[in-house]
Amino acid sequence: MNLQQRINAFSKLGAFLEQFANIKSTQQPNIAHNESFYERFQNTIQKATQSNAWFTYENITFALKNWSQALHSENLENWLSHYTFSEVKPKQVAIIMAGNIPLVGFHDFLSVLISGHKVIVKQSSNDAHLLPIIADYLTAIEPEFENYIQFTTEKLPTFEAVIATGSNNTARYFEYYFKGKPSIIRRNRNSVAVLTGEENEQGLKHLSEDIFRYFGLGCRNVSKLYVPKNYNFDAFFNAIYSWKDIINHHKYANNYDYNKAVYLMSEYDILDNGFFMVKDDASNASPISTVFYEHYNSVNELKSKLLNDKELIQCIVSLPDLDIGIPFGSTQNPQLWDYADNVDTVDFLLTI
């Protein structure tokens, strides 16, 4: 199986996933193997929502929409044009996946297979349904993938390299357990936004997508705001009000009630709009239903701080003229070449 065959297979997968890119899925003509997989995939989405209350239908379809767009053949070819694959000798690459948002480990899965290696997947129990059926679909498209994809719930079998994602605590375990093996080990990271007070309503609405999508559970979700002295949060709260119905999700509401009670009992100063809170705090990682904020004195001083903290930060969003980060509203729409932790996964896979 050559590179072009692999690209073609993933491109066909993208066309299949596009049918499920909206709340109301629509079966399209001329999609390969639809007769075997369309209804089965619908049922799998339903199973995923039932197994994990954080995986709402809206958030799953949002993830599927992003991947359907990313897997267009032009995107794949553009991404891969910067690498040389001719000398790749297939290795067994283990992937230990997180389960915080739907298909969070798919990019690693794609990278291993598109590079010509074999993958051993150890999924999180929180996200155990979607990827296996996607793997089955790939195998239906390109039968040679059958010998390249393996799932396990037990101890990892023999492997030659590993990509593992977890918390800071599990990362220390991974480093010990996988010492001597080529590895990418990912730890906790958070995303931040830099505000100046010059943002318009549309920009702040885009920022609300960075904050609330997936209930704030992803490392690309903004959990910290940097604001100038005497920043007025009124415009921010007005812009995020469109997300007010998030409080109707029972797990989110439980977190909101719990965190609000803790803040009030501790006599912390918070700003609260009935479904979301803003708290002055130097930490980057805020709990569900809360975003932390911190004041800065100058943009140049803040740039230095963010540079020093780069190992803790996944994304920075800001106004374009600040030349600090990416635009508001773009954190949950990464390109194939936007690697987690800024570690080039494909380059790693081509050198093992």
Protein backbone atom coordinates (compact mmCIF):
# COMPACT_ATOMS: atom_id res chain seq x y z
CA MET A 1 0.00 0.00 0.00
CA ASN A 2 1.64 3.23 -1.15
CA LEU A 3 1.15 6.78 0.10
CA GLN A 4 -1.39 7.67 -2.57
CA GLN A 5 -3.52 4.69 -1.64
CA ARG A 6 -3.47 5.80 1.99
CA ILE A 7 -4.40 9.36 1.04
CA ASN A 8 -7.26 8.09 -1.12
CA ALA A 9 -8.58 5.91 1.71
CA PHE A 10 -8.61 8.76 4.24
CA SER A 11 -10.15 11.10 1.68
CA LYS A 12 -13.01 8.63 1.19
CA LEU A 13 -13.34 8.42 4.97
CA GLY A 14 -13.72 12.21 5.03
CA ALA A 15 -16.53 12.03 2.47
CA PHE A 16 -18.26 9.39 4.58
CA LEU A 17 -17.95 11.43 7.80
CA GLU A 18 -19.32 14.53 6.08
CA GLN A 19 -22.75 12.90 6.09
CA PHE A 20 -22.75 13.18 9.90
CA ALA A 21 -21.39 16.74 10.07
CA ASN A 22 -24.73 18.24 11.12
CA ILE A 23 -27.23 17.48 13.88
CA LYS A 24 -29.50 15.97 11.25
CA SER A 25 -27.37 13.51 9.27
CA THR A 26 -28.09 13.14 5.57
CA GLN A 27 -27.21 10.09 3.54
CA GLN A 28 -25.50 11.06 0.30
CA PRO A 29 -25.28 9.12 -2.96
CA ASN A 30 -22.06 7.60 -4.25
CA ILE A 31 -20.41 7.22 -0.83
CA ALA A 32 -18.42 4.00 -0.68
CA HIS A 33 -19.84 1.25 1.56
CA ASN A 34 -22.76 3.36 2.78
CA GLU A 35 -25.04 0.35 2.64
CA SER A 36 -22.93 -1.36 5.32
CA PHE A 37 -21.84 1.59 7.44
CA TYR A 38 -24.28 4.51 7.33
CA GLU A 39 -26.89 3.18 9.76
CA ARG A 40 -24.24 1.44 11.82
CA PHE A 41 -22.37 4.73 12.25
CA GLN A 42 -25.57 6.52 13.28
CA ASN A 43 -26.09 3.88 15.95
CA THR A 44 -22.49 4.26 17.10
CA ILE A 45 -22.90 7.99 17.58
CA GLN A 46 -25.98 7.30 19.68
CA LYS A 47 -24.05 4.76 21.74
CA ALA A 48 -21.24 7.28 22.29
CA THR A 49 -23.69 9.88 23.63
CA GLN A 50 -25.20 7.31 25.99
CA SER A 51 -21.82 6.12 27.28
CA ASN A 52 -20.41 9.55 28.06
CA ALA A 53 -22.74 12.41 28.97
CA TRP A 54 -20.10 14.98 27.97
CA PHE A 55 -20.25 13.63 24.40
CA THR A 56 -23.39 15.38 23.26
CA TYR A 57 -24.68 14.83 19.75
CA GLU A 58 -23.82 18.44 18.94
CA ASN A 59 -20.20 18.07 20.05
CA ILE A 60 -19.73 14.75 18.26
CA THR A 61 -21.09 16.15 15.00
CA PHE A 62 -18.88 19.22 15.46
CA ALA A 63 -15.82 16.94 15.68
CA LEU A 64 -16.96 14.89 12.69
CA LYS A 65 -17.48 18.06 10.64
CA ASN A 66 -13.94 19.21 11.39
CA TRP A 67 -12.45 15.87 10.43
CA SER A 68 -14.54 15.57 7.28
CA GLN A 69 -13.14 18.93 6.13
CA ALA A 70 -9.58 18.14 7.18
CA LEU A 71 -9.57 14.87 5.23
CA HIS A 72 -10.19 16.46 1.83
CA SER A 73 -7.53 15.11 -0.53
CA GLU A 74 -6.09 18.61 -1.15
CA ASN A 75 -5.56 19.12 2.59
CA LEU A 76 -3.93 15.73 2.99
CA GLU A 77 -1.62 16.26 0.02
CA ASN A 78 -0.70 19.77 1.16
CA TRP A 79 0.08 18.48 4.66
CA LEU A 80 2.19 15.57 3.47
CA SER A 81 4.03 17.38 0.67
CA HIS A 82 6.66 18.57 3.16
CA TYR A 83 7.80 15.05 4.07
CA THR A 84 9.65 12.18 2.38
CA PHE A 85 8.05 8.76 2.83
CA SER A 86 10.03 6.62 0.41
CA GLU A 87 12.27 4.97 3.01
CA VAL A 88 9.70 4.25 5.72
CA LYS A 89 9.91 0.73 7.13
CA PRO A 90 6.67 -0.12 8.96
CA LYS A 91 7.03 -0.17 12.75
CA GLN A 92 4.54 -1.03 15.48
CA VAL A 93 3.51 2.29 17.06
CA ALA A 94 1.39 2.27 20.21
CA ILE A 95 -0.99 5.15 20.89
CA ILE A 96 -2.40 5.71 24.38
CA MET A 97 -5.32 8.06 23.90
CA ALA A 98 -7.07 10.54 26.14
CA GLY A 99 -10.87 10.62 26.22
CA ASN A 100 -11.74 14.18 27.12
CA ILE A 101 -13.34 15.15 23.78
CA PRO A 102 -14.69 13.07 20.87
CA LEU A 103 -11.98 11.52 18.66
CA VAL A 104 -9.25 13.42 20.51
CA GLY A 105 -6.69 10.79 19.47
CA PHE A 106 -7.65 10.63 15.81
CA HIS A 107 -4.80 12.85 14.59
CA ASP A 108 -2.23 10.46 16.09
CA PHE A 109 -4.09 7.51 14.55
CA LEU A 110 -4.10 9.24 11.15
CA SER A 111 -0.44 10.26 11.41
CA VAL A 112 0.75 6.74 12.18
CA LEU A 113 -1.18 5.12 9.35
CA ILE A 114 -0.55 7.83 6.76
CA SER A 115 3.17 7.52 7.53
CA GLY A 116 3.09 3.83 6.61
CA HIS A 117 3.40 2.43 10.14
CA LYS A 118 1.20 -0.02 12.04
CA VAL A 119 -0.86 1.22 14.96
CA ILE A 120 -1.76 -0.34 18.30
CA VAL A 121 -4.53 1.72 19.90
CA LYS A 122 -5.28 1.79 23.61
CA GLN A 123 -8.37 3.94 23.98
CA SER A 124 -9.80 5.73 26.97
CA SER A 125 -13.04 4.15 28.17
CA ASN A 126 -14.57 7.64 27.84
CA ASP A 127 -14.15 7.59 24.06
CA ALA A 128 -14.27 3.95 23.05
CA HIS A 129 -16.93 3.76 20.33
CA LEU A 130 -16.19 6.05 17.40
CA LEU A 131 -12.65 5.12 16.39
CA PRO A 132 -13.19 1.34 16.01
CA ILE A 133 -15.97 1.80 13.46
CA ILE A 134 -13.84 4.37 11.63
CA ALA A 135 -11.06 1.78 11.51
CA ASP A 136 -13.51 -0.78 10.14
CA TYR A 137 -14.57 1.67 7.45
CA LEU A 138 -10.95 2.33 6.47
CA THR A 139 -10.38 -1.41 6.18
CA ALA A 140 -13.44 -1.75 3.96
CA ILE A 141 -12.02 0.98 1.71
CA GLU A 142 -8.45 -0.35 1.76
CA PRO A 143 -8.29 -3.99 2.96
CA GLU A 144 -4.53 -3.80 3.57
CA PHE A 145 -5.25 -1.65 6.62
CA GLU A 146 -6.51 -4.79 8.37
CA ASN A 147 -2.91 -5.77 9.09
CA TYR A 148 -2.03 -2.24 10.19
CA ILE A 149 -4.65 -1.54 12.88
CA GLN A 150 -4.97 -3.21 16.26
CA PHE A 151 -7.00 -2.23 19.33
CA THR A 152 -6.26 -3.46 22.83
CA THR A 153 -7.77 -3.02 26.29
CA GLU A 154 -5.03 -5.07 27.97
CA LYS A 155 -1.32 -4.55 28.46
CA LEU A 156 0.30 -3.29 25.27
CA PRO A 157 1.76 -6.02 23.07
CA THR A 158 5.18 -5.63 21.48
CA PHE A 159 5.70 -2.16 20.04
CA GLU A 160 8.62 -0.09 18.78
CA ALA A 161 7.49 3.48 19.49
CA VAL A 162 4.73 5.15 21.48
CA ILE A 163 2.59 8.28 21.55
CA ALA A 164 0.93 8.76 24.93
CA THR A 165 -1.38 11.52 26.13
CA GLY A 166 -2.39 12.05 29.73
CA SER A 167 -2.15 14.26 32.79
CA ASN A 168 1.07 15.50 34.34
CA ASN A 169 0.89 12.60 36.80
CA THR A 170 0.40 9.93 34.14
CA ALA A 171 3.13 11.52 32.03
CA ARG A 172 5.67 10.73 34.75
CA TYR A 173 4.49 7.13 34.71
CA PHE A 174 4.70 7.06 30.91
CA GLU A 175 8.25 8.41 30.97
CA TYR A 176 9.33 5.64 33.32
CA TYR A 177 7.37 2.86 31.63
CA PHE A 178 8.42 3.77 28.08
CA LYS A 179 12.04 4.74 28.73
CA GLY A 180 14.25 3.38 26.01
CA LYS A 181 11.49 3.61 23.39
CA PRO A 182 11.09 6.47 20.90
CA SER A 183 8.17 8.42 22.29
CA ILE A 184 5.99 11.50 22.30
CA ILE A 185 4.53 12.04 25.76
CA ARG A 186 1.98 14.79 26.21
CA ARG A 187 1.06 16.49 29.49
CA ASN A 188 -1.54 18.97 30.67
CA ARG A 189 -1.76 22.13 28.60
CA ASN A 190 -4.27 24.94 28.49
CA SER A 191 -5.13 27.71 26.08
CA VAL A 192 -5.30 31.41 26.84
CA ALA A 193 -6.77 34.57 25.34
CA VAL A 194 -5.27 38.05 25.35
CA LEU A 195 -7.87 40.84 25.51
CA THR A 196 -7.27 44.56 25.13
CA GLY A 197 -10.78 46.01 25.45
CA GLU A 198 -10.76 46.83 21.73
CA GLU A 199 -12.50 43.59 20.73
CA ASN A 200 -15.84 43.93 18.96
CA GLU A 201 -18.93 41.88 19.76
CA GLN A 202 -18.31 39.42 16.93
CA GLY A 203 -14.75 38.75 18.08
CA LEU A 204 -15.91 38.07 21.63
CA LYS A 205 -18.63 35.74 20.34
CA HIS A 206 -15.94 33.82 18.49
CA LEU A 207 -13.97 33.68 21.74
CA SER A 208 -16.99 32.12 23.45
CA GLU A 209 -16.67 29.19 21.02
CA ASP A 210 -13.06 28.75 22.16
CA ILE A 211 -14.26 28.68 25.77
CA PHE A 212 -17.47 26.63 25.70
CA ARG A 213 -17.06 24.07 22.90
CA TYR A 214 -16.78 20.57 24.39
CA PHE A 215 -17.74 22.18 27.74
CA GLY A 216 -14.19 23.49 28.04
CA LEU A 217 -12.72 20.00 28.45
CA GLY A 218 -10.10 20.19 25.68
CA CYS A 219 -6.55 21.48 25.88
CA ARG A 220 -7.43 23.86 23.03
CA ASN A 221 -10.24 25.41 25.08
CA VAL A 222 -9.47 28.85 26.47
CA SER A 223 -9.37 28.62 30.26
CA LYS A 224 -7.48 31.83 31.05
CA LEU A 225 -7.92 35.47 30.01
CA TYR A 226 -5.22 38.12 30.15
CA VAL A 227 -6.82 41.54 30.45
CA PRO A 228 -5.52 45.10 30.99
CA LYS A 229 -5.97 46.93 34.27
CA ASN A 230 -9.55 48.05 34.93
CA TYR A 231 -10.90 45.83 32.17
CA ASN A 232 -14.70 45.97 31.94
CA PHE A 233 -16.21 42.50 31.49
CA ASP A 234 -19.66 43.74 30.43
CA ALA A 235 -19.03 43.30 26.70
CA PHE A 236 -17.54 39.86 27.33
CA PHE A 237 -20.60 38.70 29.29
CA ASN A 238 -22.96 40.10 26.66
CA ALA A 239 -21.12 38.22 23.93
CA ILE A 240 -21.13 34.84 25.67
CA TYR A 241 -24.82 34.98 26.55
CA SER A 242 -25.71 32.91 23.48
CA TRP A 243 -24.27 29.91 25.38
CA LYS A 244 -26.74 30.32 28.26
CA ASP A 245 -28.45 26.99 27.53
CA ILE A 246 -25.28 25.12 28.46
CA ILE A 247 -26.51 25.26 32.06
CA ASN A 248 -29.29 22.83 31.09
CA HIS A 249 -26.71 20.06 30.71
CA HIS A 250 -26.81 18.25 34.04
CA LYS A 251 -23.10 17.49 34.40
CA TYR A 252 -22.15 21.06 33.51
CA ALA A 253 -24.77 22.41 35.93
CA ASN A 254 -23.44 20.19 38.72
CA ASN A 255 -19.93 21.56 38.15
CA TYR A 256 -21.21 25.12 38.05
CA ASP A 257 -23.12 24.71 41.34
CA TYR A 258 -20.20 23.00 43.07
CA ASN A 259 -17.56 25.51 41.95
CA LYS A 260 -19.78 28.47 42.78
CA ALA A 261 -20.36 27.10 46.28
CA VAL A 262 -16.62 26.64 46.81
CA TYR A 263 -15.88 30.18 45.65
CA LEU A 264 -18.58 31.70 47.84
CA MET A 265 -17.58 29.74 50.93
CA SER A 266 -13.97 30.75 50.36
CA GLU A 267 -15.10 34.36 49.91
CA TYR A 268 -13.41 34.68 46.52
CA ASP A 269 -14.42 37.60 44.34
CA ILE A 270 -16.09 36.23 41.24
CA LEU A 271 -18.17 37.59 38.38
CA ASP A 272 -21.18 35.39 37.67
CA ASN A 273 -23.93 35.49 35.04
CA GLY A 274 -25.96 32.48 36.16
CA PHE A 275 -24.21 29.89 33.97
CA PHE A 276 -20.55 30.93 33.94
CA MET A 277 -18.03 32.53 36.29
CA VAL A 278 -14.91 34.64 35.90
CA LYS A 279 -12.33 34.56 38.68
CA ASP A 280 -9.08 36.46 39.26
CA ASP A 281 -6.48 33.68 39.46
CA ALA A 282 -2.88 33.24 38.29
CA SER A 283 -3.38 29.59 37.28
CA ASN A 284 -3.91 28.60 33.65
CA ALA A 285 -6.16 25.61 34.32
CA SER A 286 -9.65 26.62 35.40
CA PRO A 287 -12.45 24.21 36.35
CA ILE A 288 -15.56 23.60 34.26
CA SER A 289 -17.94 26.61 34.20
CA THR A 290 -15.14 29.03 35.10
CA VAL A 291 -12.47 30.99 33.28
CA PHE A 292 -9.61 32.59 35.20
CA TYR A 293 -8.25 36.03 34.42
CA GLU A 294 -5.08 37.94 35.19
CA HIS A 295 -4.14 41.57 34.58
CA TYR A 296 -1.15 42.63 32.52
CA ASN A 297 0.68 45.97 32.45
CA SER A 298 1.96 45.99 28.87
CA VAL A 299 1.67 43.78 25.82
CA ASN A 300 5.45 43.41 25.53
CA GLU A 301 5.69 42.30 29.15
CA LEU A 302 2.88 39.82 28.53
CA LYS A 303 4.58 38.44 25.43
CA SER A 304 7.66 37.65 27.52
CA LYS A 305 5.55 35.90 30.14
CA LEU A 306 3.74 33.81 27.52
CA LEU A 307 7.06 32.86 25.94
CA ASN A 308 8.35 31.69 29.32
CA ASP A 309 5.14 29.67 29.83
CA LYS A 310 5.09 28.14 26.33
CA GLU A 311 5.45 24.58 27.65
CA LEU A 312 2.17 25.05 29.55
CA ILE A 313 0.17 26.62 26.72
CA GLN A 314 -1.49 24.89 23.78
CA CYS A 315 -3.03 27.90 22.00
CA ILE A 316 -3.07 31.67 22.36
CA VAL A 317 -5.92 33.68 20.82
CA SER A 318 -5.93 37.44 20.36
CA LEU A 319 -6.61 40.28 17.98
CA PRO A 320 -4.43 39.92 14.86
CA ASP A 321 -2.60 43.22 15.31
CA LEU A 322 -1.12 42.04 18.62
CA ASP A 323 0.89 39.41 16.72
CA ILE A 324 0.62 37.01 19.66
CA GLY A 325 -1.67 34.17 18.63
CA ILE A 326 -4.37 32.83 16.36
CA PRO A 327 -7.76 34.50 15.73
CA PHE A 328 -10.66 34.23 18.14
CA GLY A 329 -12.89 31.25 17.37
CA SER A 330 -10.21 29.11 15.74
CA THR A 331 -8.90 26.93 18.57
CA GLN A 332 -11.28 24.04 17.86
CA ASN A 333 -10.61 24.05 14.11
CA PRO A 334 -6.94 23.07 13.85
CA GLN A 335 -5.32 22.23 10.53
CA LEU A 336 -3.61 18.89 9.99
CA TRP A 337 -0.25 20.60 10.47
CA ASP A 338 -1.24 22.21 13.79
CA TYR A 339 0.45 19.63 15.99
CA ALA A 340 -0.38 19.16 19.66
CA ASP A 341 2.32 20.68 21.89
CA ASN A 342 4.02 21.91 18.69
CA VAL A 343 5.66 18.51 18.27
CA ASP A 344 5.67 17.39 14.63
CA THR A 345 4.16 13.91 14.89
CA VAL A 346 4.85 12.92 11.28
CA ASP A 347 8.49 13.99 11.50
CA PHE A 348 8.82 11.86 14.65
CA LEU A 349 7.25 8.88 12.87
CA LEU A 350 9.57 9.22 9.88
CA THR A 351 12.66 9.05 12.09
CA ILE A 352 11.88 6.06 14.33
